[in-house]
């Protein structure tokens, strides 16, 4: 699996859990479905950006830091729309970025082997 696809799928998957952390904030529980959908989309975008970075830069430290920056940036954009929940938004969003950045750098695409027809 290519790095961009891997990072995108991982970002989307982790985005689901990022959104589910809103369950622990009683004021927004009634909006949990929309939050999970939004967080999944945010995770997919994060994964795409980090995946492209990982194909060009081959450094675990830089990839992880870039992941943190991208995750924190998107979380901050959400925070601007929902002030007052800084820790509940920034922490999970940044963590998604760190995990995807690290995993994208460690991911080695499998090489296809040709089988002879004989």
PDB file of N, CA and C in Angstrom:
ATOM      1  N   UNK A   1       0.849  -1.165   0.000  1.00  0.00           N
ATOM      2  CA  UNK A   1       0.000   0.000   0.000  1.00  0.00           C
ATOM      3  C   UNK A   1       0.904   1.242   0.000  1.00  0.00           C
ATOM      4  N   UNK A   2       0.589   2.201  -0.827  1.00  0.00           N
ATOM      5  CA  UNK A   2       1.401   3.410  -0.917  1.00  0.00           C
ATOM      6  C   UNK A   2       1.227   4.270   0.322  1.00  0.00           C
ATOM      7  N   UNK A   3       2.250   5.096   0.594  1.00  0.00           N
ATOM      8  CA  UNK A   3       2.249   5.905   1.814  1.00  0.00           C
ATOM      9  C   UNK A   3       1.066   6.859   1.893  1.00  0.00           C
ATOM     10  N   UNK A   4       0.699   7.478   0.784  1.00  0.00           N
ATOM     11  CA  UNK A   4      -0.407   8.442   0.807  1.00  0.00           C
ATOM     12  C   UNK A   4      -1.712   7.735   1.156  1.00  0.00           C
ATOM     13  N   UNK A   5      -1.966   6.604   0.531  1.00  0.00           N
ATOM     14  CA  UNK A   5      -3.190   5.850   0.818  1.00  0.00           C
ATOM     15  C   UNK A   5      -3.181   5.351   2.257  1.00  0.00           C
ATOM     16  N   UNK A   6      -2.049   4.828   2.693  1.00  0.00           N
ATOM     17  CA  UNK A   6      -1.928   4.340   4.064  1.00  0.00           C
ATOM     18  C   UNK A   6      -2.219   5.447   5.074  1.00  0.00           C
ATOM     19  N   UNK A   7      -1.582   6.618   4.874  1.00  0.00           N
ATOM     20  CA  UNK A   7      -1.763   7.734   5.799  1.00  0.00           C
ATOM     21  C   UNK A   7      -3.203   8.249   5.760  1.00  0.00           C
ATOM     22  N   UNK A   8      -3.804   8.272   4.583  1.00  0.00           N
ATOM     23  CA  UNK A   8      -5.191   8.741   4.461  1.00  0.00           C
ATOM     24  C   UNK A   8      -6.152   7.819   5.200  1.00  0.00           C
ATOM     25  N   UNK A   9      -6.000   6.522   4.991  1.00  0.00           N
ATOM     26  CA  UNK A   9      -6.881   5.558   5.681  1.00  0.00           C
ATOM     27  C   UNK A   9      -6.669   5.598   7.188  1.00  0.00           C
ATOM     28  N   UNK A  10      -5.417   5.678   7.612  1.00  0.00           N
ATOM     29  CA  UNK A  10      -5.134   5.744   9.045  1.00  0.00           C
ATOM     30  C   UNK A  10      -5.693   7.033   9.639  1.00  0.00           C
ATOM     31  N   UNK A  11      -5.515   8.148   8.932  1.00  0.00           N
ATOM     32  CA  UNK A  11      -6.057   9.421   9.410  1.00  0.00           C
ATOM     33  C   UNK A  11      -7.570   9.387   9.547  1.00  0.00           C
ATOM     34  N   UNK A  12      -8.245   8.806   8.561  1.00  0.00           N
ATOM     35  CA  UNK A  12      -9.703   8.697   8.638  1.00  0.00           C
ATOM     36  C   UNK A  12     -10.152   7.808   9.784  1.00  0.00           C
ATOM     37  N   UNK A  13      -9.459   6.690   9.961  1.00  0.00           N
ATOM     38  CA  UNK A  13      -9.790   5.763  11.042  1.00  0.00           C
ATOM     39  C   UNK A  13      -9.595   6.417  12.408  1.00  0.00           C
ATOM     40  N   UNK A  14      -8.454   7.086  12.571  1.00  0.00           N
ATOM     41  CA  UNK A  14      -8.193   7.752  13.844  1.00  0.00           C
ATOM     42  C   UNK A  14      -9.104   8.959  14.039  1.00  0.00           C
ATOM     43  N   UNK A  15      -9.530   9.569  12.933  1.00  0.00           N
ATOM     44  CA  UNK A  15     -10.469  10.688  13.010  1.00  0.00           C
ATOM     45  C   UNK A  15     -11.789  10.283  13.644  1.00  0.00           C
ATOM     46  N   UNK A  16     -12.202   9.053  13.395  1.00  0.00           N
ATOM     47  CA  UNK A  16     -13.429   8.546  14.033  1.00  0.00           C
ATOM     48  C   UNK A  16     -13.273   8.593  15.554  1.00  0.00           C
ATOM     49  N   UNK A  17     -12.146   8.108  16.039  1.00  0.00           N
ATOM     50  CA  UNK A  17     -11.921   8.098  17.484  1.00  0.00           C
ATOM     51  C   UNK A  17     -11.713   9.510  18.030  1.00  0.00           C
ATOM     52  N   UNK A  18     -11.115  10.370  17.226  1.00  0.00           N
ATOM     53  CA  UNK A  18     -10.971  11.775  17.600  1.00  0.00           C
ATOM     54  C   UNK A  18     -12.362  12.364  17.850  1.00  0.00           C
ATOM     55  N   UNK A  19     -13.287  12.118  16.950  1.00  0.00           N
ATOM     56  CA  UNK A  19     -14.650  12.619  17.119  1.00  0.00           C
ATOM     57  C   UNK A  19     -15.375  11.997  18.295  1.00  0.00           C
ATOM     58  N   UNK A  20     -15.126  10.730  18.528  1.00  0.00           N
ATOM     59  CA  UNK A  20     -15.798  10.044  19.642  1.00  0.00           C
ATOM     60  C   UNK A  20     -15.360  10.577  21.003  1.00  0.00           C
ATOM     61  N   UNK A  21     -14.205  11.242  21.058  1.00  0.00           N
ATOM     62  CA  UNK A  21     -13.786  11.818  22.340  1.00  0.00           C
ATOM     63  C   UNK A  21     -14.726  12.943  22.779  1.00  0.00           C
ATOM     64  N   UNK A  22     -15.522  13.461  21.848  1.00  0.00           N
ATOM     65  CA  UNK A  22     -16.496  14.503  22.203  1.00  0.00           C
ATOM     66  C   UNK A  22     -17.579  13.958  23.135  1.00  0.00           C
ATOM     67  N   UNK A  23     -17.720  12.664  23.197  1.00  0.00           N
ATOM     68  CA  UNK A  23     -18.706  12.048  24.094  1.00  0.00           C
ATOM     69  C   UNK A  23     -18.433  12.430  25.547  1.00  0.00           C
ATOM     70  N   UNK A  24     -17.167  12.699  25.858  1.00  0.00           N
ATOM     71  CA  UNK A  24     -16.795  13.036  27.231  1.00  0.00           C
ATOM     72  C   UNK A  24     -17.051  14.500  27.573  1.00  0.00           C
ATOM     73  N   UNK A  25     -17.585  15.255  26.620  1.00  0.00           N
ATOM     74  CA  UNK A  25     -17.971  16.650  26.848  1.00  0.00           C
ATOM     75  C   UNK A  25     -19.492  16.703  26.803  1.00  0.00           C
ATOM     76  N   UNK A  26     -20.146  16.724  27.949  1.00  0.00           N
ATOM     77  CA  UNK A  26     -21.611  16.613  27.994  1.00  0.00           C
ATOM     78  C   UNK A  26     -22.353  17.667  27.166  1.00  0.00           C
ATOM     79  N   UNK A  27     -21.798  18.879  27.040  1.00  0.00           N
ATOM     80  CA  UNK A  27     -22.498  19.933  26.310  1.00  0.00           C
ATOM     81  C   UNK A  27     -22.663  19.624  24.824  1.00  0.00           C
ATOM     82  N   UNK A  28     -21.821  18.777  24.269  1.00  0.00           N
ATOM     83  CA  UNK A  28     -21.875  18.516  22.825  1.00  0.00           C
ATOM     84  C   UNK A  28     -22.284  17.081  22.481  1.00  0.00           C
ATOM     85  N   UNK A  29     -22.689  16.322  23.455  1.00  0.00           N
ATOM     86  CA  UNK A  29     -23.066  14.927  23.189  1.00  0.00           C
ATOM     87  C   UNK A  29     -24.178  14.799  22.164  1.00  0.00           C
ATOM     88  N   UNK A  30     -25.083  15.735  22.155  1.00  0.00           N
ATOM     89  CA  UNK A  30     -26.212  15.649  21.217  1.00  0.00           C
ATOM     90  C   UNK A  30     -25.755  15.854  19.771  1.00  0.00           C
ATOM     91  N   UNK A  31     -24.557  16.391  19.579  1.00  0.00           N
ATOM     92  CA  UNK A  31     -24.025  16.647  18.242  1.00  0.00           C
ATOM     93  C   UNK A  31     -22.958  15.639  17.839  1.00  0.00           C
ATOM     94  N   UNK A  32     -22.911  14.502  18.507  1.00  0.00           N
ATOM     95  CA  UNK A  32     -21.812  13.552  18.335  1.00  0.00           C
ATOM     96  C   UNK A  32     -21.698  13.022  16.903  1.00  0.00           C
ATOM     97  N   UNK A  33     -22.812  12.813  16.216  1.00  0.00           N
ATOM     98  CA  UNK A  33     -22.759  12.270  14.853  1.00  0.00           C
ATOM     99  C   UNK A  33     -22.054  13.257  13.925  1.00  0.00           C
ATOM    100  N   UNK A  34     -22.436  14.512  13.984  1.00  0.00           N
ATOM    101  CA  UNK A  34     -21.795  15.527  13.153  1.00  0.00           C
ATOM    102  C   UNK A  34     -20.332  15.714  13.498  1.00  0.00           C
ATOM    103  N   UNK A  35     -20.024  15.620  14.779  1.00  0.00           N
ATOM    104  CA  UNK A  35     -18.636  15.768  15.218  1.00  0.00           C
ATOM    105  C   UNK A  35     -17.780  14.610  14.696  1.00  0.00           C
ATOM    106  N   UNK A  36     -18.305  13.398  14.754  1.00  0.00           N
ATOM    107  CA  UNK A  36     -17.553  12.234  14.264  1.00  0.00           C
ATOM    108  C   UNK A  36     -17.348  12.340  12.752  1.00  0.00           C
ATOM    109  N   UNK A  37     -18.372  12.756  12.031  1.00  0.00           N
ATOM    110  CA  UNK A  37     -18.233  12.918  10.579  1.00  0.00           C
ATOM    111  C   UNK A  37     -17.192  13.987  10.263  1.00  0.00           C
ATOM    112  N   UNK A  38     -17.273  15.130  10.941  1.00  0.00           N
ATOM    113  CA  UNK A  38     -16.298  16.196  10.727  1.00  0.00           C
ATOM    114  C   UNK A  38     -14.892  15.775  11.087  1.00  0.00           C
ATOM    115  N   UNK A  39     -14.731  15.063  12.175  1.00  0.00           N
ATOM    116  CA  UNK A  39     -13.406  14.606  12.602  1.00  0.00           C
ATOM    117  C   UNK A  39     -12.839  13.568  11.638  1.00  0.00           C
ATOM    118  N   UNK A  40     -13.710  12.753  11.072  1.00  0.00           N
ATOM    119  CA  UNK A  40     -13.257  11.772  10.086  1.00  0.00           C
ATOM    120  C   UNK A  40     -12.740  12.479   8.839  1.00  0.00           C
ATOM    121  N   UNK A  41     -13.470  13.488   8.377  1.00  0.00           N
ATOM    122  CA  UNK A  41     -13.024  14.261   7.217  1.00  0.00           C
ATOM    123  C   UNK A  41     -11.712  14.988   7.531  1.00  0.00           C
ATOM    124  N   UNK A  42     -11.631  15.551   8.720  1.00  0.00           N
ATOM    125  CA  UNK A  42     -10.400  16.220   9.160  1.00  0.00           C
ATOM    126  C   UNK A  42      -9.242  15.222   9.189  1.00  0.00           C
ATOM    127  N   UNK A  43      -9.489  14.014   9.658  1.00  0.00           N
ATOM    128  CA  UNK A  43      -8.459  12.977   9.678  1.00  0.00           C
ATOM    129  C   UNK A  43      -8.027  12.555   8.286  1.00  0.00           C
ATOM    130  N   UNK A  44      -8.983  12.472   7.364  1.00  0.00           N
ATOM    131  CA  UNK A  44      -8.645  12.121   5.980  1.00  0.00           C
ATOM    132  C   UNK A  44      -7.762  13.194   5.349  1.00  0.00           C
ATOM    133  N   UNK A  45      -8.131  14.458   5.536  1.00  0.00           N
ATOM    134  CA  UNK A  45      -7.317  15.559   4.996  1.00  0.00           C
ATOM    135  C   UNK A  45      -5.925  15.571   5.613  1.00  0.00           C
ATOM    136  N   UNK A  46      -5.878  15.363   6.915  1.00  0.00           N
ATOM    137  CA  UNK A  46      -4.597  15.291   7.608  1.00  0.00           C
ATOM    138  C   UNK A  46      -3.742  14.170   7.023  1.00  0.00           C
ATOM    139  N   UNK A  47      -4.355  13.020   6.818  1.00  0.00           N
ATOM    140  CA  UNK A  47      -3.631  11.875   6.265  1.00  0.00           C
ATOM    141  C   UNK A  47      -3.105  12.126   4.860  1.00  0.00           C
ATOM    142  N   UNK A  48      -3.910  12.770   4.024  1.00  0.00           N
ATOM    143  CA  UNK A  48      -3.468  13.067   2.658  1.00  0.00           C
ATOM    144  C   UNK A  48      -2.239  13.967   2.679  1.00  0.00           C
ATOM    145  N   UNK A  49      -2.316  15.040   3.457  1.00  0.00           N
ATOM    146  CA  UNK A  49      -1.209  15.996   3.513  1.00  0.00           C
ATOM    147  C   UNK A  49       0.051  15.332   4.081  1.00  0.00           C
ATOM    148  N   UNK A  50      -0.107  14.605   5.161  1.00  0.00           N
ATOM    149  CA  UNK A  50       1.050  13.944   5.784  1.00  0.00           C
ATOM    150  C   UNK A  50       1.605  12.855   4.867  1.00  0.00           C
ATOM    151  N   UNK A  51       0.733  12.134   4.182  1.00  0.00           N
ATOM    152  CA  UNK A  51       1.179  11.093   3.258  1.00  0.00           C
ATOM    153  C   UNK A  51       2.032  11.647   2.132  1.00  0.00           C
ATOM    154  N   UNK A  52       1.618  12.777   1.554  1.00  0.00           N
ATOM    155  CA  UNK A  52       2.426  13.401   0.511  1.00  0.00           C
ATOM    156  C   UNK A  52       3.769  13.869   1.060  1.00  0.00           C
ATOM    157  N   UNK A  53       3.757  14.413   2.259  1.00  0.00           N
ATOM    158  CA  UNK A  53       5.003  14.834   2.899  1.00  0.00           C
ATOM    159  C   UNK A  53       5.926  13.630   3.093  1.00  0.00           C
ATOM    160  N   UNK A  54       5.364  12.518   3.520  1.00  0.00           N
ATOM    161  CA  UNK A  54       6.161  11.319   3.805  1.00  0.00           C
ATOM    162  C   UNK A  54       6.790  10.725   2.547  1.00  0.00           C
ATOM    163  N   UNK A  55       6.182  10.970   1.383  1.00  0.00           N
ATOM    164  CA  UNK A  55       6.784  10.456   0.151  1.00  0.00           C
ATOM    165  C   UNK A  55       7.985  11.287  -0.276  1.00  0.00           C
ATOM    166  N   UNK A  56       8.065  12.517   0.195  1.00  0.00           N
ATOM    167  CA  UNK A  56       9.140  13.413  -0.220  1.00  0.00           C
ATOM    168  C   UNK A  56      10.243  13.580   0.839  1.00  0.00           C
ATOM    169  N   UNK A  57       9.873  13.499   2.087  1.00  0.00           N
ATOM    170  CA  UNK A  57      10.825  13.687   3.178  1.00  0.00           C
ATOM    171  C   UNK A  57      10.925  12.374   3.946  1.00  0.00           C
ATOM    172  N   UNK A  58      12.123  11.862   4.067  1.00  0.00           N
ATOM    173  CA  UNK A  58      12.320  10.563   4.719  1.00  0.00           C
ATOM    174  C   UNK A  58      13.063  10.756   6.040  1.00  0.00           C
ATOM    175  N   UNK A  59      12.368  11.364   6.993  1.00  0.00           N
ATOM    176  CA  UNK A  59      12.936  11.608   8.317  1.00  0.00           C
ATOM    177  C   UNK A  59      11.837  11.368   9.344  1.00  0.00           C
ATOM    178  N   UNK A  60      12.090  10.457  10.258  1.00  0.00           N
ATOM    179  CA  UNK A  60      11.096  10.132  11.279  1.00  0.00           C
ATOM    180  C   UNK A  60      10.783  11.353  12.139  1.00  0.00           C
ATOM    181  N   UNK A  61      11.811  12.081  12.540  1.00  0.00           N
ATOM    182  CA  UNK A  61      11.599  13.258  13.397  1.00  0.00           C
ATOM    183  C   UNK A  61      10.813  14.341  12.657  1.00  0.00           C
ATOM    184  N   UNK A  62      11.214  14.653  11.427  1.00  0.00           N
ATOM    185  CA  UNK A  62      10.507  15.684  10.668  1.00  0.00           C
ATOM    186  C   UNK A  62       9.087  15.249  10.324  1.00  0.00           C
ATOM    187  N   UNK A  63       8.903  13.989  10.001  1.00  0.00           N
ATOM    188  CA  UNK A  63       7.567  13.483   9.680  1.00  0.00           C
ATOM    189  C   UNK A  63       6.631  13.557  10.869  1.00  0.00           C
ATOM    190  N   UNK A  64       7.153  13.215  12.039  1.00  0.00           N
ATOM    191  CA  UNK A  64       6.344  13.273  13.255  1.00  0.00           C
ATOM    192  C   UNK A  64       6.011  14.713  13.625  1.00  0.00           C
ATOM    193  N   UNK A  65       6.997  15.603  13.520  1.00  0.00           N
ATOM    194  CA  UNK A  65       6.750  17.024  13.805  1.00  0.00           C
ATOM    195  C   UNK A  65       5.792  17.646  12.797  1.00  0.00           C
ATOM    196  N   UNK A  66       5.935  17.273  11.539  1.00  0.00           N
ATOM    197  CA  UNK A  66       5.025  17.773  10.514  1.00  0.00           C
ATOM    198  C   UNK A  66       3.607  17.270  10.798  1.00  0.00           C
ATOM    199  N   UNK A  67       3.496  16.014  11.197  1.00  0.00           N
ATOM    200  CA  UNK A  67       2.185  15.459  11.556  1.00  0.00           C
ATOM    201  C   UNK A  67       1.557  16.221  12.713  1.00  0.00           C
ATOM    202  N   UNK A  68       2.364  16.530  13.715  1.00  0.00           N
ATOM    203  CA  UNK A  68       1.876  17.319  14.842  1.00  0.00           C
ATOM    204  C   UNK A  68       1.381  18.680  14.368  1.00  0.00           C
ATOM    205  N   UNK A  69       2.147  19.327  13.501  1.00  0.00           N
ATOM    206  CA  UNK A  69       1.775  20.657  13.009  1.00  0.00           C
ATOM    207  C   UNK A  69       0.479  20.611  12.203  1.00  0.00           C
ATOM    208  N   UNK A  70       0.344  19.613  11.332  1.00  0.00           N
ATOM    209  CA  UNK A  70      -0.869  19.508  10.512  1.00  0.00           C
ATOM    210  C   UNK A  70      -2.077  19.181  11.386  1.00  0.00           C
ATOM    211  N   UNK A  71      -1.935  18.218  12.290  1.00  0.00           N
ATOM    212  CA  UNK A  71      -3.031  17.871  13.187  1.00  0.00           C
ATOM    213  C   UNK A  71      -3.442  19.035  14.060  1.00  0.00           C
ATOM    214  N   UNK A  72      -2.471  19.757  14.589  1.00  0.00           N
ATOM    215  CA  UNK A  72      -2.766  20.915  15.436  1.00  0.00           C
ATOM    216  C   UNK A  72      -3.408  22.041  14.630  1.00  0.00           C
ATOM    217  N   UNK A  73      -2.961  22.230  13.385  1.00  0.00           N
ATOM    218  CA  UNK A  73      -3.541  23.272  12.536  1.00  0.00           C
ATOM    219  C   UNK A  73      -5.026  23.023  12.286  1.00  0.00           C
ATOM    220  N   UNK A  74      -5.361  21.800  11.879  1.00  0.00           N
ATOM    221  CA  UNK A  74      -6.770  21.494  11.614  1.00  0.00           C
ATOM    222  C   UNK A  74      -7.603  21.542  12.896  1.00  0.00           C
ATOM    223  N   UNK A  75      -7.025  21.096  13.995  1.00  0.00           N
ATOM    224  CA  UNK A  75      -7.740  21.177  15.271  1.00  0.00           C
ATOM    225  C   UNK A  75      -7.971  22.635  15.657  1.00  0.00           C
ATOM    226  N   UNK A  76      -6.990  23.484  15.382  1.00  0.00           N
ATOM    227  CA  UNK A  76      -7.132  24.903  15.696  1.00  0.00           C
ATOM    228  C   UNK A  76      -8.243  25.539  14.860  1.00  0.00           C
ATOM    229  N   UNK A  77      -8.352  25.134  13.597  1.00  0.00           N
ATOM    230  CA  UNK A  77      -9.441  25.649  12.759  1.00  0.00           C
ATOM    231  C   UNK A  77     -10.802  25.287  13.354  1.00  0.00           C
ATOM    232  N   UNK A  78     -10.915  24.079  13.880  1.00  0.00           N
ATOM    233  CA  UNK A  78     -12.166  23.656  14.524  1.00  0.00           C
ATOM    234  C   UNK A  78     -12.359  24.438  15.818  1.00  0.00           C
ATOM    235  N   UNK A  79     -11.282  24.674  16.538  1.00  0.00           N
ATOM    236  CA  UNK A  79     -11.356  25.419  17.796  1.00  0.00           C
ATOM    237  C   UNK A  79     -11.863  26.840  17.570  1.00  0.00           C
ATOM    238  N   UNK A  80     -11.497  27.447  16.461  1.00  0.00           N
ATOM    239  CA  UNK A  80     -11.969  28.798  16.157  1.00  0.00           C
ATOM    240  C   UNK A  80     -13.493  28.852  16.048  1.00  0.00           C
ATOM    241  N   UNK A  81     -14.084  27.739  15.616  1.00  0.00           N
ATOM    242  CA  UNK A  81     -15.546  27.684  15.490  1.00  0.00           C
ATOM    243  C   UNK A  81     -16.221  27.282  16.802  1.00  0.00           C
ATOM    244  N   UNK A  82     -15.460  26.708  17.723  1.00  0.00           N
ATOM    245  CA  UNK A  82     -15.999  26.210  18.992  1.00  0.00           C
ATOM    246  C   UNK A  82     -15.124  26.640  20.158  1.00  0.00           C
ATOM    247  N   UNK A  83     -15.049  27.924  20.444  1.00  0.00           N
ATOM    248  CA  UNK A  83     -14.175  28.351  21.547  1.00  0.00           C
ATOM    249  C   UNK A  83     -14.669  27.802  22.888  1.00  0.00           C
ATOM    250  N   UNK A  84     -13.763  27.611  23.788  1.00  0.00           N
ATOM    251  CA  UNK A  84     -14.122  27.134  25.118  1.00  0.00           C
ATOM    252  C   UNK A  84     -13.844  25.666  25.337  1.00  0.00           C
ATOM    253  N   UNK A  85     -13.451  24.956  24.288  1.00  0.00           N
ATOM    254  CA  UNK A  85     -13.155  23.520  24.423  1.00  0.00           C
ATOM    255  C   UNK A  85     -11.747  23.234  23.912  1.00  0.00           C
ATOM    256  N   UNK A  86     -10.803  24.103  24.249  1.00  0.00           N
ATOM    257  CA  UNK A  86      -9.466  24.033  23.666  1.00  0.00           C
ATOM    258  C   UNK A  86      -8.796  22.674  23.865  1.00  0.00           C
ATOM    259  N   UNK A  87      -8.726  22.200  25.083  1.00  0.00           N
ATOM    260  CA  UNK A  87      -8.046  20.931  25.348  1.00  0.00           C
ATOM    261  C   UNK A  87      -8.776  19.770  24.684  1.00  0.00           C
ATOM    262  N   UNK A  88     -10.109  19.792  24.717  1.00  0.00           N
ATOM    263  CA  UNK A  88     -10.896  18.697  24.146  1.00  0.00           C
ATOM    264  C   UNK A  88     -10.782  18.627  22.628  1.00  0.00           C
ATOM    265  N   UNK A  89     -10.403  19.714  21.982  1.00  0.00           N
ATOM    266  CA  UNK A  89     -10.269  19.730  20.526  1.00  0.00           C
ATOM    267  C   UNK A  89      -8.809  19.581  20.111  1.00  0.00           C
ATOM    268  N   UNK A  90      -7.935  20.347  20.746  1.00  0.00           N
ATOM    269  CA  UNK A  90      -6.532  20.377  20.327  1.00  0.00           C
ATOM    270  C   UNK A  90      -5.779  19.082  20.633  1.00  0.00           C
ATOM    271  N   UNK A  91      -6.019  18.494  21.786  1.00  0.00           N
ATOM    272  CA  UNK A  91      -5.266  17.297  22.171  1.00  0.00           C
ATOM    273  C   UNK A  91      -5.532  16.108  21.235  1.00  0.00           C
ATOM    274  N   UNK A  92      -6.798  15.703  21.034  1.00  0.00           N
ATOM    275  CA  UNK A  92      -7.018  14.557  20.137  1.00  0.00           C
ATOM    276  C   UNK A  92      -6.610  14.846  18.690  1.00  0.00           C
ATOM    277  N   UNK A  93      -6.875  16.070  18.206  1.00  0.00           N
ATOM    278  CA  UNK A  93      -6.510  16.407  16.835  1.00  0.00           C
ATOM    279  C   UNK A  93      -5.007  16.381  16.608  1.00  0.00           C
ATOM    280  N   UNK A  94      -4.264  16.905  17.569  1.00  0.00           N
ATOM    281  CA  UNK A  94      -2.805  16.890  17.471  1.00  0.00           C
ATOM    282  C   UNK A  94      -2.261  15.472  17.574  1.00  0.00           C
ATOM    283  N   UNK A  95      -2.869  14.682  18.436  1.00  0.00           N
ATOM    284  CA  UNK A  95      -2.439  13.297  18.604  1.00  0.00           C
ATOM    285  C   UNK A  95      -2.646  12.489  17.318  1.00  0.00           C
ATOM    286  N   UNK A  96      -3.748  12.728  16.629  1.00  0.00           N
ATOM    287  CA  UNK A  96      -3.973  12.066  15.341  1.00  0.00           C
ATOM    288  C   UNK A  96      -2.839  12.418  14.385  1.00  0.00           C
ATOM    289  N   UNK A  97      -2.475  13.695  14.328  1.00  0.00           N
ATOM    290  CA  UNK A  97      -1.388  14.118  13.453  1.00  0.00           C
ATOM    291  C   UNK A  97      -0.061  13.468  13.793  1.00  0.00           C
ATOM    292  N   UNK A  98       0.253  13.386  15.070  1.00  0.00           N
ATOM    293  CA  UNK A  98       1.512  12.762  15.500  1.00  0.00           C
ATOM    294  C   UNK A  98       1.540  11.286  15.108  1.00  0.00           C
ATOM    295  N   UNK A  99       0.452  10.584  15.374  1.00  0.00           N
ATOM    296  CA  UNK A  99       0.409   9.145  15.069  1.00  0.00           C
ATOM    297  C   UNK A  99       0.511   8.907  13.569  1.00  0.00           C
ATOM    298  N   UNK A 100      -0.244   9.670  12.784  1.00  0.00           N
ATOM    299  CA  UNK A 100      -0.209   9.491  11.325  1.00  0.00           C
ATOM    300  C   UNK A 100       1.160   9.886  10.776  1.00  0.00           C
ATOM    301  N   UNK A 101       1.750  10.966  11.290  1.00  0.00           N
ATOM    302  CA  UNK A 101       3.075  11.374  10.834  1.00  0.00           C
ATOM    303  C   UNK A 101       4.127  10.315  11.117  1.00  0.00           C
ATOM    304  N   UNK A 102       4.087   9.753  12.306  1.00  0.00           N
ATOM    305  CA  UNK A 102       5.035   8.699  12.676  1.00  0.00           C
ATOM    306  C   UNK A 102       4.819   7.451  11.818  1.00  0.00           C
ATOM    307  N   UNK A 103       3.558   7.028  11.725  1.00  0.00           N
ATOM    308  CA  UNK A 103       3.250   5.796  10.993  1.00  0.00           C
ATOM    309  C   UNK A 103       3.556   5.925   9.504  1.00  0.00           C
ATOM    310  N   UNK A 104       3.309   7.096   8.941  1.00  0.00           N
ATOM    311  CA  UNK A 104       3.585   7.293   7.514  1.00  0.00           C
ATOM    312  C   UNK A 104       5.084   7.201   7.235  1.00  0.00           C
ATOM    313  N   UNK A 105       5.904   7.678   8.153  1.00  0.00           N
ATOM    314  CA  UNK A 105       7.349   7.585   7.968  1.00  0.00           C
ATOM    315  C   UNK A 105       7.844   6.155   8.140  1.00  0.00           C
ATOM    316  N   UNK A 106       7.239   5.413   9.035  1.00  0.00           N
ATOM    317  CA  UNK A 106       7.668   4.028   9.288  1.00  0.00           C
ATOM    318  C   UNK A 106       7.126   3.049   8.244  1.00  0.00           C
ATOM    319  N   UNK A 107       6.064   3.438   7.551  1.00  0.00           N
ATOM    320  CA  UNK A 107       5.415   2.542   6.593  1.00  0.00           C
ATOM    321  C   UNK A 107       6.300   2.327   5.373  1.00  0.00           C
ATOM    322  N   UNK A 108       6.537   1.094   5.063  1.00  0.00           N
ATOM    323  CA  UNK A 108       7.285   0.729   3.867  1.00  0.00           C
ATOM    324  C   UNK A 108       6.334   0.016   2.915  1.00  0.00           C
ATOM    325  N   UNK A 109       6.065   0.620   1.762  1.00  0.00           N
ATOM    326  CA  UNK A 109       5.163  -0.042   0.809  1.00  0.00           C
ATOM    327  C   UNK A 109       5.722  -1.391   0.370  1.00  0.00           C
ATOM    328  N   UNK A 110       4.857  -2.363   0.271  1.00  0.00           N
ATOM    329  CA  UNK A 110       5.265  -3.696  -0.147  1.00  0.00           C
ATOM    330  C   UNK A 110       5.612  -3.669  -1.637  1.00  0.00           C
ATOM    331  N   UNK A 111       6.687  -4.318  -1.969  1.00  0.00           N
ATOM    332  CA  UNK A 111       7.071  -4.430  -3.377  1.00  0.00           C
ATOM    333  C   UNK A 111       6.343  -5.600  -4.007  1.00  0.00           C
ATOM    334  N   UNK A 112       5.817  -5.366  -5.177  1.00  0.00           N
ATOM    335  CA  UNK A 112       5.141  -6.461  -5.892  1.00  0.00           C
ATOM    336  C   UNK A 112       6.193  -7.356  -6.506  1.00  0.00           C
ATOM    337  N   UNK A 113       6.022  -8.627  -6.303  1.00  0.00           N
ATOM    338  CA  UNK A 113       6.957  -9.564  -6.911  1.00  0.00           C
ATOM    339  C   UNK A 113       6.294 -10.194  -8.123  1.00  0.00           C
ATOM    340  N   UNK A 114       7.064 -10.338  -9.152  1.00  0.00           N
ATOM    341  CA  UNK A 114       6.528 -10.961 -10.373  1.00  0.00           C
ATOM    342  C   UNK A 114       6.700 -12.464 -10.261  1.00  0.00           C
ATOM    343  N   UNK A 115       5.619 -13.132 -10.530  1.00  0.00           N
ATOM    344  CA  UNK A 115       5.671 -14.595 -10.516  1.00  0.00           C
ATOM    345  C   UNK A 115       5.805 -15.075 -11.957  1.00  0.00           C
ATOM    346  N   UNK A 116       6.695 -15.997 -12.160  1.00  0.00           N
ATOM    347  CA  UNK A 116       6.883 -16.481 -13.526  1.00  0.00           C
ATOM    348  C   UNK A 116       5.761 -17.428 -13.904  1.00  0.00           C
ATOM    349  N   UNK A 117       5.435 -17.408 -15.147  1.00  0.00           N
ATOM    350  CA  UNK A 117       4.359 -18.261 -15.668  1.00  0.00           C
ATOM    351  C   UNK A 117       4.995 -19.542 -16.225  1.00  0.00           C
ATOM    352  N   UNK A 118       5.446 -20.346 -15.481  1.00  0.00           N
ATOM    353  CA  UNK A 118       6.101 -21.453 -16.123  1.00  0.00           C
ATOM    354  C   UNK A 118       6.036 -22.702 -15.461  1.00  0.00           C
TER     355      UNK A 118
END
